[in-house]
N, C-alpha and C. Protein backbone atom coordinates (compact mmCIF):
# COMPACT_ATOMS: atom_id res chain seq x y z
N UNK A 1 86.45 94.83 73.75
CA UNK A 1 87.16 94.92 74.61
C UNK A 1 86.71 95.83 75.82
N UNK A 2 86.93 95.21 77.00
CA UNK A 2 86.22 95.90 78.48
C UNK A 2 86.94 97.33 78.81
N UNK A 3 86.30 98.03 79.49
CA UNK A 3 86.91 99.29 79.68
C UNK A 3 88.02 99.18 80.69
N UNK A 4 87.77 98.26 81.87
CA UNK A 4 89.00 97.99 82.51
C UNK A 4 90.18 97.68 82.02
N UNK A 5 90.13 97.06 80.88
CA UNK A 5 91.53 96.43 80.50
C UNK A 5 92.05 97.71 79.46
N UNK A 6 91.42 98.55 78.94
CA UNK A 6 92.05 99.69 78.13
C UNK A 6 93.27 100.30 78.63
N UNK A 7 93.47 100.70 79.86
CA UNK A 7 94.69 101.03 80.22
C UNK A 7 95.92 100.23 80.21
N UNK A 8 95.74 98.80 80.25
CA UNK A 8 96.71 97.98 80.09
C UNK A 8 97.21 97.73 78.85
N UNK A 9 96.58 98.34 77.80
CA UNK A 9 96.86 97.83 76.36
C UNK A 9 97.74 99.36 75.76
N UNK A 10 99.18 98.93 75.78
CA UNK A 10 100.11 100.32 75.44
C UNK A 10 100.56 99.61 74.08
N UNK A 11 100.46 100.59 72.95
CA UNK A 11 101.33 100.48 71.79
C UNK A 11 102.55 101.11 71.85
N UNK A 12 103.41 100.97 70.85
CA UNK A 12 104.80 101.67 70.68
C UNK A 12 104.64 103.10 70.96
N UNK A 13 103.82 103.57 69.98
CA UNK A 13 103.60 105.07 70.04
C UNK A 13 102.93 105.77 71.42
N UNK A 14 102.36 105.04 72.06
CA UNK A 14 101.95 105.57 73.54
C UNK A 14 103.14 105.44 74.49
N UNK A 15 103.93 104.51 74.16
CA UNK A 15 105.22 104.42 75.40
C UNK A 15 105.93 105.43 74.86
N UNK A 16 106.26 105.92 73.75
CA UNK A 16 107.21 106.65 73.24
C UNK A 16 106.51 108.15 73.53
N UNK A 17 105.45 108.42 73.46
CA UNK A 17 104.78 109.56 74.00
C UNK A 17 104.93 109.73 75.61
N UNK A 18 104.72 108.86 76.39
CA UNK A 18 105.13 108.86 77.62
C UNK A 18 106.31 109.33 77.98
N UNK A 19 107.60 108.55 77.34
CA UNK A 19 108.62 108.86 77.57
C UNK A 19 109.13 110.41 77.17
N UNK A 20 108.60 110.92 76.11
CA UNK A 20 108.88 112.25 75.67
C UNK A 20 108.05 113.31 76.85
N UNK A 21 107.14 113.13 77.14
CA UNK A 21 106.37 113.97 78.36
C UNK A 21 107.35 113.87 79.55
N UNK A 22 107.86 112.66 80.01
CA UNK A 22 108.46 112.56 81.19
C UNK A 22 109.94 113.41 80.92
N UNK A 23 110.53 113.12 79.75
CA UNK A 23 111.75 113.66 79.59
C UNK A 23 111.35 115.44 79.52
N UNK A 24 110.30 115.73 79.13
CA UNK A 24 110.01 117.39 78.96
C UNK A 24 109.76 117.72 80.41
N UNK A 25 109.30 116.93 81.16
CA UNK A 25 108.80 117.35 82.56
C UNK A 25 109.85 117.54 83.53
N UNK A 26 110.81 116.58 83.55
CA UNK A 26 111.69 116.12 84.50
C UNK A 26 113.15 116.70 84.12
N UNK A 27 113.62 116.43 82.94
CA UNK A 27 114.58 116.71 82.00
C UNK A 27 115.45 115.50 82.11
N UNK A 28 116.69 115.29 81.47
CA UNK A 28 117.65 114.38 81.32
C UNK A 28 118.39 114.13 82.44
N UNK A 29 118.73 115.10 83.13
CA UNK A 29 119.59 114.98 84.40
C UNK A 29 118.84 114.73 85.38
N UNK A 30 117.52 114.62 85.45
CA UNK A 30 116.82 114.23 86.89
C UNK A 30 116.25 113.20 86.76
N UNK A 31 116.01 112.47 85.80
CA UNK A 31 115.42 111.08 85.47
C UNK A 31 116.48 109.94 86.37
N UNK A 32 117.69 110.03 86.17
CA UNK A 32 118.64 109.13 86.76
C UNK A 32 118.56 109.00 88.36
N UNK A 33 118.44 110.29 88.64
CA UNK A 33 118.34 110.41 90.19
C UNK A 33 116.54 109.84 90.83
N UNK A 34 116.02 110.06 89.68
CA UNK A 34 114.47 109.35 90.18
C UNK A 34 114.37 107.99 90.17
N UNK A 35 115.12 107.24 89.04
CA UNK A 35 115.19 106.02 89.14
C UNK A 35 116.06 105.33 90.20
N UNK A 36 117.14 106.08 90.83
CA UNK A 36 117.98 105.40 91.74
C UNK A 36 117.06 105.46 93.07
N UNK A 37 116.22 106.65 92.91
CA UNK A 37 115.37 106.66 94.43
C UNK A 37 114.29 105.40 94.22
N UNK A 38 113.68 105.28 93.15
CA UNK A 38 112.74 104.01 92.94
C UNK A 38 113.46 102.87 93.15
N UNK A 39 114.75 102.41 92.97
CA UNK A 39 115.36 101.43 92.91
C UNK A 39 115.73 101.24 94.50
N UNK A 40 115.89 102.19 95.23
CA UNK A 40 116.44 101.84 96.66
C UNK A 40 114.91 101.83 97.24
N UNK A 41 113.97 102.35 96.79
CA UNK A 41 112.63 102.18 97.58
C UNK A 41 112.26 100.60 97.19
N UNK A 42 112.25 100.05 96.18
CA UNK A 42 112.07 98.42 95.85
C UNK A 42 112.94 97.67 96.64
N UNK A 43 114.19 98.15 96.73
CA UNK A 43 115.09 97.04 97.56
C UNK A 43 114.81 97.19 99.17
N UNK A 44 114.47 98.43 99.43
CA UNK A 44 113.95 98.54 101.06
C UNK A 44 112.67 97.40 101.20
N UNK A 45 111.78 97.80 100.42
CA UNK A 45 110.59 96.88 100.39
C UNK A 45 110.81 95.26 100.52
N UNK A 46 111.90 95.07 99.59
CA UNK A 46 111.96 93.42 99.41
C UNK A 46 112.65 93.09 100.74
N UNK A 47 113.72 94.07 101.41
CA UNK A 47 114.29 93.46 102.62
C UNK A 47 113.57 93.55 103.63
N UNK A 48 112.54 94.57 103.81
CA UNK A 48 111.36 94.71 104.85
C UNK A 48 110.43 93.02 104.85
N UNK A 49 109.82 92.81 103.55
CA UNK A 49 109.20 91.52 103.33
C UNK A 49 110.33 90.31 103.72
N UNK A 50 111.48 90.18 103.53
CA UNK A 50 112.09 89.27 103.95
C UNK A 50 112.32 88.95 105.27
N UNK A 51 112.49 90.39 105.90
CA UNK A 51 112.40 90.48 107.30
C UNK A 51 111.17 89.69 107.94
N UNK A 52 110.18 90.46 107.38
CA UNK A 52 108.76 89.97 107.79
C UNK A 52 108.54 88.38 107.76
N UNK A 53 108.96 87.79 106.91
CA UNK A 53 109.04 86.31 106.32
C UNK A 53 109.78 85.43 107.46
N UNK A 54 110.80 86.03 107.67
CA UNK A 54 111.67 85.51 108.96
C UNK A 54 111.23 85.47 110.18
N UNK A 55 110.65 86.74 110.37
CA UNK A 55 109.94 86.72 111.70
C UNK A 55 108.59 85.82 111.91
N UNK A 56 107.96 85.79 110.77
CA UNK A 56 106.96 84.78 110.86
C UNK A 56 107.20 83.33 111.01
N UNK A 57 108.38 83.06 110.27
CA UNK A 57 109.01 81.62 110.45
C UNK A 57 109.51 81.21 111.76
N UNK A 58 110.19 82.21 112.28
CA UNK A 58 110.65 82.10 113.81
C UNK A 58 109.64 81.98 114.81
N UNK A 59 108.35 82.56 114.60
CA UNK A 59 107.35 82.80 115.36
C UNK A 59 106.71 81.27 115.23
N UNK A 60 106.50 80.80 114.23
CA UNK A 60 105.87 79.46 114.02
C UNK A 60 106.78 78.54 114.55
N UNK A 61 107.95 78.43 114.44
CA UNK A 61 108.98 77.56 114.85
C UNK A 61 108.86 77.52 116.56
N UNK A 62 108.92 78.69 117.09
CA UNK A 62 108.55 78.97 118.64
C UNK A 62 107.07 78.19 118.91
N UNK A 63 106.03 78.59 118.34
CA UNK A 63 104.88 77.87 118.72
C UNK A 63 105.06 76.61 118.39
N UNK A 64 105.39 75.90 117.37
CA UNK A 64 105.64 74.47 117.69
C UNK A 64 106.27 73.73 118.74
N UNK A 65 107.36 74.43 119.13
CA UNK A 65 108.07 74.06 120.28
C UNK A 65 107.35 73.65 121.52
N UNK A 66 106.49 74.89 121.83
CA UNK A 66 105.72 74.65 122.92
C UNK A 66 104.59 73.86 123.17
């Protein structure tokens, strides 16, 4: 196995260990707040990329009409 693929291979015990460490670091009450922030960030990114696509499409249509 290549060295660059090593981080991509996670077993069930590694995932459990990561979850336990996150719980110890942030606590049970802080995790939902972190996930909400992550979700809203992803939602904003998707909306911005959709707006960018719409801008590019309208620009292309304007160029074709000229």
